[in-house]
N, C-alpha and C. Protein backbone atom coordinates (compact mmCIF):
# COMPACT_ATOMS: atom_id res chain seq x y z
N MET A 1 37.56 185.61 264.82
CA MET A 1 36.95 185.23 263.56
C MET A 1 37.73 185.90 262.43
N ILE A 2 38.03 185.15 261.41
CA ILE A 2 38.76 185.68 260.27
C ILE A 2 37.81 186.19 259.20
N GLY A 3 36.74 185.46 258.97
CA GLY A 3 35.81 185.86 257.94
C GLY A 3 34.38 185.68 258.41
N SER A 4 33.48 186.28 257.71
CA SER A 4 32.07 186.24 258.07
C SER A 4 31.29 185.43 257.04
N SER A 5 30.22 184.85 257.50
CA SER A 5 29.31 184.15 256.58
C SER A 5 28.49 185.17 255.79
N GLY A 6 28.49 186.41 256.28
CA GLY A 6 27.66 187.44 255.68
C GLY A 6 26.31 187.57 256.36
N VAL A 7 26.07 186.67 257.34
CA VAL A 7 24.82 186.70 258.10
C VAL A 7 25.20 186.74 259.58
N ALA A 8 24.97 187.88 260.22
CA ALA A 8 25.42 188.10 261.59
C ALA A 8 24.89 187.05 262.56
N SER A 9 23.64 186.63 262.39
CA SER A 9 23.06 185.65 263.32
C SER A 9 23.74 184.29 263.19
N LEU A 10 24.13 183.90 261.97
CA LEU A 10 24.86 182.63 261.79
C LEU A 10 26.26 182.73 262.39
N ASP A 11 26.92 183.86 262.22
CA ASP A 11 28.25 184.05 262.81
C ASP A 11 28.17 183.94 264.33
N ALA A 12 27.19 184.60 264.93
CA ALA A 12 27.04 184.59 266.39
C ALA A 12 26.72 183.18 266.89
N THR A 13 25.84 182.48 266.20
CA THR A 13 25.49 181.12 266.60
C THR A 13 26.70 180.19 266.50
N THR A 14 27.47 180.31 265.43
CA THR A 14 28.66 179.48 265.28
C THR A 14 29.64 179.73 266.41
N CYS A 15 29.89 180.98 266.75
CA CYS A 15 30.82 181.30 267.84
C CYS A 15 30.33 180.72 269.16
N LYS A 16 29.05 180.85 269.45
CA LYS A 16 28.49 180.31 270.70
C LYS A 16 28.63 178.79 270.75
N LEU A 17 28.34 178.11 269.64
CA LEU A 17 28.45 176.65 269.61
C LEU A 17 29.88 176.18 269.80
N VAL A 18 30.83 176.85 269.17
CA VAL A 18 32.24 176.48 269.32
C VAL A 18 32.68 176.67 270.76
N GLU A 19 32.34 177.79 271.37
CA GLU A 19 32.72 178.05 272.76
C GLU A 19 32.09 177.03 273.71
N LYS A 20 30.87 176.61 273.43
CA LYS A 20 30.15 175.69 274.31
C LYS A 20 30.59 174.24 274.14
N ARG A 21 30.84 173.80 272.92
CA ARG A 21 31.02 172.38 272.65
C ARG A 21 32.46 171.91 272.45
N PHE A 22 33.34 172.78 272.01
CA PHE A 22 34.69 172.34 271.68
C PHE A 22 35.60 172.41 272.89
N ARG A 23 36.32 171.34 273.15
CA ARG A 23 37.30 171.28 274.22
C ARG A 23 38.58 170.69 273.65
N TYR A 24 39.70 171.21 274.08
CA TYR A 24 40.98 170.66 273.63
C TYR A 24 42.04 170.94 274.67
N THR A 25 43.09 170.17 274.59
CA THR A 25 44.24 170.35 275.47
C THR A 25 45.21 171.28 274.77
N PRO A 26 45.71 172.32 275.45
CA PRO A 26 46.63 173.24 274.80
C PRO A 26 47.93 172.57 274.39
N ALA A 27 48.55 173.12 273.37
CA ALA A 27 49.85 172.64 272.92
C ALA A 27 50.87 172.87 274.04
N ARG A 28 51.81 171.97 274.15
CA ARG A 28 52.84 172.08 275.19
C ARG A 28 54.22 171.83 274.57
N ASN A 29 55.23 172.48 275.16
CA ASN A 29 56.59 172.27 274.70
C ASN A 29 57.17 171.03 275.40
N ALA A 30 58.43 170.72 275.15
CA ALA A 30 59.06 169.53 275.71
C ALA A 30 59.07 169.53 277.24
N ALA A 31 59.05 170.71 277.86
CA ALA A 31 59.05 170.82 279.31
C ALA A 31 57.63 170.73 279.90
N GLY A 32 56.63 170.64 279.04
CA GLY A 32 55.26 170.52 279.50
C GLY A 32 54.55 171.84 279.73
N THR A 33 55.20 172.93 279.36
CA THR A 33 54.61 174.26 279.51
C THR A 33 53.68 174.55 278.33
N ALA A 34 52.50 175.08 278.64
CA ALA A 34 51.57 175.44 277.56
C ALA A 34 52.20 176.52 276.68
N VAL A 35 52.04 176.38 275.39
CA VAL A 35 52.59 177.35 274.44
C VAL A 35 51.49 177.82 273.49
N ALA A 36 51.69 179.01 272.93
CA ALA A 36 50.72 179.58 271.99
C ALA A 36 50.65 178.73 270.72
N GLU A 37 49.48 178.67 270.14
CA GLU A 37 49.27 177.95 268.89
C GLU A 37 48.10 178.57 268.16
N GLU A 38 47.98 178.28 266.89
CA GLU A 38 46.84 178.73 266.10
C GLU A 38 46.03 177.52 265.69
N ARG A 39 44.72 177.67 265.79
CA ARG A 39 43.81 176.62 265.33
C ARG A 39 42.72 177.28 264.52
N GLY A 40 42.16 176.56 263.61
CA GLY A 40 41.10 177.12 262.78
C GLY A 40 39.90 176.19 262.69
N TRP A 41 38.80 176.76 262.27
CA TRP A 41 37.58 175.99 262.08
C TRP A 41 36.80 176.62 260.95
N ARG A 42 36.32 175.83 260.06
CA ARG A 42 35.49 176.32 258.95
C ARG A 42 34.11 175.68 259.11
N GLN A 43 33.11 176.51 259.14
CA GLN A 43 31.74 176.02 259.29
C GLN A 43 30.95 176.39 258.05
N ARG A 44 30.24 175.42 257.50
CA ARG A 44 29.36 175.69 256.35
C ARG A 44 27.92 175.58 256.81
N TRP A 45 27.14 176.58 256.53
CA TRP A 45 25.71 176.59 256.84
C TRP A 45 24.94 176.62 255.54
N TRP A 46 23.76 176.03 255.54
CA TRP A 46 22.86 176.15 254.40
C TRP A 46 21.43 176.15 254.92
N LEU A 47 20.57 176.75 254.16
CA LEU A 47 19.16 176.80 254.51
C LEU A 47 18.45 175.66 253.81
N ASP A 48 17.30 175.26 254.31
CA ASP A 48 16.53 174.18 253.67
C ASP A 48 16.38 174.45 252.19
N GLY A 49 16.62 173.42 251.39
CA GLY A 49 16.49 173.54 249.95
C GLY A 49 17.73 174.10 249.27
N GLU A 50 18.74 174.50 250.03
CA GLU A 50 19.96 175.07 249.44
C GLU A 50 21.19 174.20 249.70
N ARG A 51 20.98 173.01 250.21
CA ARG A 51 22.10 172.14 250.56
C ARG A 51 22.97 171.87 249.33
N PRO A 52 24.28 171.96 249.52
CA PRO A 52 25.19 171.75 248.37
C PRO A 52 25.19 170.33 247.86
């Protein structure tokens, strides 16, 4: 995690949801070998009555 929402419970819930629901195929080079890559995700949360 790079940044926090400022609410630990929202941060923890977001991490759990990403680990549970997101699936992807790793990046591969021309030989088909998996290679390191960076990916990001930005999640916006709001409470009832505070929706942007």
